[in-house]
Amino acid sequence: MALQRLLELHGAARRRRRQEREQQRLRVLERLRIASHRHCRVHPLGLPSSPAQLPPQEDVAGRWSALQKQLEQVHLERTRWLRALRARNTRNFQELLWPPGAEKPAPGE
């Protein structure tokens, strides 16, 4: 009787551990899926996929300046995008604080 109860408890514990492992695996997969959607599918520098698409550059200085221009362009585009995102988020937050039609409090209140 005691041995049978011990076997039942052991089986239940095994099932619980298996279920917890499966739930953990699903949580990790969900986090990976979310993380993969956060990242841009395009290379951050917008590099061409084949060497044939690269502009011909004979010297190192020319390649260096082309890379700097490309990085600067990517930086400007990202800055514009982040500023637009910040403005949108600020506007949405302010609408949450003060719904349209509601009276905004005076500064200092």
C-alpha atoms as a PDB file:
ATOM      1  CA  MET A   1       0.000   0.000   0.000  1.00  0.00           C
ATOM      2  CA  ALA A   2       2.728   2.478   0.973  1.00  0.00           C
ATOM      3  CA  LEU A   3       4.848   1.444  -2.013  1.00  0.00           C
ATOM      4  CA  GLN A   4       1.898   1.962  -4.356  1.00  0.00           C
ATOM      5  CA  ARG A   5       1.287   5.443  -2.888  1.00  0.00           C
ATOM      6  CA  LEU A   6       4.987   6.260  -3.288  1.00  0.00           C
ATOM      7  CA  LEU A   7       4.863   5.174  -6.946  1.00  0.00           C
ATOM      8  CA  GLU A   8       1.774   7.330  -7.519  1.00  0.00           C
ATOM      9  CA  LEU A   9       3.476  10.360  -5.956  1.00  0.00           C
ATOM     10  CA  HIS A  10       6.611   9.741  -7.992  1.00  0.00           C
ATOM     11  CA  GLY A  11       4.576   9.455 -11.226  1.00  0.00           C
ATOM     12  CA  ALA A  12       2.682  12.642 -10.427  1.00  0.00           C
ATOM     13  CA  ALA A  13       5.947  14.478  -9.753  1.00  0.00           C
ATOM     14  CA  ARG A  14       7.381  13.238 -13.066  1.00  0.00           C
ATOM     15  CA  ARG A  15       4.299  14.422 -14.947  1.00  0.00           C
ATOM     16  CA  ARG A  16       4.488  17.811 -13.224  1.00  0.00           C
ATOM     17  CA  ARG A  17       8.182  18.195 -14.124  1.00  0.00           C
ATOM     18  CA  ARG A  18       7.510  17.180 -17.737  1.00  0.00           C
ATOM     19  CA  GLN A  19       4.627  19.638 -17.939  1.00  0.00           C
ATOM     20  CA  GLU A  20       6.736  22.441 -16.408  1.00  0.00           C
ATOM     21  CA  ARG A  21       9.558  21.738 -18.882  1.00  0.00           C
ATOM     22  CA  GLU A  22       7.099  21.895 -21.770  1.00  0.00           C
ATOM     23  CA  GLN A  23       5.626  25.170 -20.477  1.00  0.00           C
ATOM     24  CA  GLN A  24       9.134  26.616 -20.095  1.00  0.00           C
ATOM     25  CA  ARG A  25       9.979  25.518 -23.647  1.00  0.00           C
ATOM     26  CA  LEU A  26       6.832  27.209 -24.962  1.00  0.00           C
ATOM     27  CA  ARG A  27       7.648  30.411 -23.040  1.00  0.00           C
ATOM     28  CA  VAL A  28      11.149  30.461 -24.521  1.00  0.00           C
ATOM     29  CA  LEU A  29       9.796  29.875 -28.027  1.00  0.00           C
ATOM     30  CA  GLU A  30       7.300  32.714 -27.564  1.00  0.00           C
ATOM     31  CA  ARG A  31      10.056  35.069 -26.380  1.00  0.00           C
ATOM     32  CA  LEU A  32      12.216  34.103 -29.345  1.00  0.00           C
ATOM     33  CA  ARG A  33       9.314  34.718 -31.704  1.00  0.00           C
ATOM     34  CA  ILE A  34       8.694  38.144 -30.187  1.00  0.00           C
ATOM     35  CA  ALA A  35      12.400  38.984 -30.301  1.00  0.00           C
ATOM     36  CA  SER A  36      12.688  37.901 -33.924  1.00  0.00           C
ATOM     37  CA  HIS A  37       9.864  40.256 -34.892  1.00  0.00           C
ATOM     38  CA  ARG A  38      11.594  43.156 -33.157  1.00  0.00           C
ATOM     39  CA  HIS A  39      14.673  42.929 -35.329  1.00  0.00           C
ATOM     40  CA  CYS A  40      14.749  44.372 -38.785  1.00  0.00           C
ATOM     41  CA  ARG A  41      14.940  41.789 -41.532  1.00  0.00           C
ATOM     42  CA  VAL A  42      17.181  44.093 -43.597  1.00  0.00           C
ATOM     43  CA  HIS A  43      20.872  44.498 -42.846  1.00  0.00           C
ATOM     44  CA  PRO A  44      21.286  47.654 -40.718  1.00  0.00           C
ATOM     45  CA  LEU A  45      23.688  49.151 -43.253  1.00  0.00           C
ATOM     46  CA  GLY A  46      21.513  48.169 -46.167  1.00  0.00           C
ATOM     47  CA  LEU A  47      24.407  46.284 -47.698  1.00  0.00           C
ATOM     48  CA  PRO A  48      23.786  44.789 -51.116  1.00  0.00           C
ATOM     49  CA  SER A  49      23.436  41.042 -51.292  1.00  0.00           C
ATOM     50  CA  SER A  50      25.966  40.454 -54.059  1.00  0.00           C
ATOM     51  CA  PRO A  51      29.374  41.962 -54.901  1.00  0.00           C
ATOM     52  CA  ALA A  52      28.041  42.946 -58.345  1.00  0.00           C
ATOM     53  CA  GLN A  53      25.762  45.496 -56.671  1.00  0.00           C
ATOM     54  CA  LEU A  54      28.666  47.208 -54.906  1.00  0.00           C
ATOM     55  CA  PRO A  55      29.807  50.480 -56.482  1.00  0.00           C
ATOM     56  CA  PRO A  56      33.303  50.138 -57.939  1.00  0.00           C
ATOM     57  CA  GLN A  57      35.859  51.563 -55.519  1.00  0.00           C
ATOM     58  CA  GLU A  58      39.529  51.446 -56.390  1.00  0.00           C
ATOM     59  CA  ASP A  59      41.067  52.840 -53.236  1.00  0.00           C
ATOM     60  CA  VAL A  60      40.622  52.293 -49.528  1.00  0.00           C
ATOM     61  CA  ALA A  61      39.869  55.978 -48.875  1.00  0.00           C
ATOM     62  CA  GLY A  62      37.026  55.900 -51.389  1.00  0.00           C
ATOM     63  CA  ARG A  63      35.546  52.800 -49.788  1.00  0.00           C
ATOM     64  CA  TRP A  64      35.960  54.356 -46.339  1.00  0.00           C
ATOM     65  CA  SER A  65      34.190  57.579 -47.316  1.00  0.00           C
ATOM     66  CA  ALA A  66      31.406  55.612 -49.043  1.00  0.00           C
ATOM     67  CA  LEU A  67      30.912  53.566 -45.882  1.00  0.00           C
ATOM     68  CA  GLN A  68      30.870  56.716 -43.745  1.00  0.00           C
ATOM     69  CA  LYS A  69      28.237  58.295 -46.015  1.00  0.00           C
ATOM     70  CA  GLN A  70      26.165  55.134 -45.872  1.00  0.00           C
ATOM     71  CA  LEU A  71      26.420  54.976 -42.074  1.00  0.00           C
ATOM     72  CA  GLU A  72      25.477  58.633 -41.801  1.00  0.00           C
ATOM     73  CA  GLN A  73      22.432  58.073 -44.024  1.00  0.00           C
ATOM     74  CA  VAL A  74      21.327  55.073 -41.947  1.00  0.00           C
ATOM     75  CA  HIS A  75      21.840  57.110 -38.769  1.00  0.00           C
ATOM     76  CA  LEU A  76      19.731  59.991 -40.113  1.00  0.00           C
ATOM     77  CA  GLU A  77      16.932  57.659 -41.199  1.00  0.00           C
ATOM     78  CA  ARG A  78      16.934  55.911 -37.835  1.00  0.00           C
ATOM     79  CA  THR A  79      16.966  59.238 -35.981  1.00  0.00           C
ATOM     80  CA  ARG A  80      13.954  60.457 -37.980  1.00  0.00           C
ATOM     81  CA  TRP A  81      12.122  57.212 -37.328  1.00  0.00           C
ATOM     82  CA  LEU A  82      12.864  57.310 -33.579  1.00  0.00           C
ATOM     83  CA  ARG A  83      11.767  60.961 -33.329  1.00  0.00           C
ATOM     84  CA  ALA A  84       8.500  60.157 -35.083  1.00  0.00           C
ATOM     85  CA  LEU A  85       7.998  57.195 -32.760  1.00  0.00           C
ATOM     86  CA  ARG A  86       8.701  59.375 -29.714  1.00  0.00           C
ATOM     87  CA  ALA A  87       6.216  62.008 -30.908  1.00  0.00           C
ATOM     88  CA  ARG A  88       3.548  59.365 -31.490  1.00  0.00           C
ATOM     89  CA  ASN A  89       4.127  57.779 -28.082  1.00  0.00           C
ATOM     90  CA  THR A  90       4.061  61.166 -26.352  1.00  0.00           C
ATOM     91  CA  ARG A  91       0.810  62.067 -28.111  1.00  0.00           C
ATOM     92  CA  ASN A  92      -0.773  58.730 -27.174  1.00  0.00           C
ATOM     93  CA  PHE A  93       0.340  59.100 -23.560  1.00  0.00           C
ATOM     94  CA  GLN A  94      -1.068  62.614 -23.353  1.00  0.00           C
ATOM     95  CA  GLU A  95      -4.364  61.372 -24.782  1.00  0.00           C
ATOM     96  CA  LEU A  96      -4.448  58.771 -22.023  1.00  0.00           C
ATOM     97  CA  LEU A  97      -3.868  61.449 -19.400  1.00  0.00           C
ATOM     98  CA  TRP A  98      -6.238  63.955 -20.956  1.00  0.00           C
ATOM     99  CA  PRO A  99      -8.819  62.397 -23.302  1.00  0.00           C
ATOM    100  CA  PRO A 100      -9.977  64.598 -26.205  1.00  0.00           C
ATOM    101  CA  GLY A 101     -12.516  67.122 -24.968  1.00  0.00           C
ATOM    102  CA  ALA A 102     -11.210  66.996 -21.406  1.00  0.00           C
ATOM    103  CA  GLU A 103      -9.764  70.131 -19.934  1.00  0.00           C
ATOM    104  CA  LYS A 104      -5.980  70.049 -19.646  1.00  0.00           C
ATOM    105  CA  PRO A 105      -4.668  71.190 -16.267  1.00  0.00           C
ATOM    106  CA  ALA A 106      -2.755  74.437 -16.080  1.00  0.00           C
ATOM    107  CA  PRO A 107       1.037  74.122 -15.807  1.00  0.00           C
ATOM    108  CA  GLY A 108       2.105  73.535 -12.232  1.00  0.00           C
ATOM    109  CA  GLU A 109      -1.048  71.696 -11.161  1.00  0.00           C
END
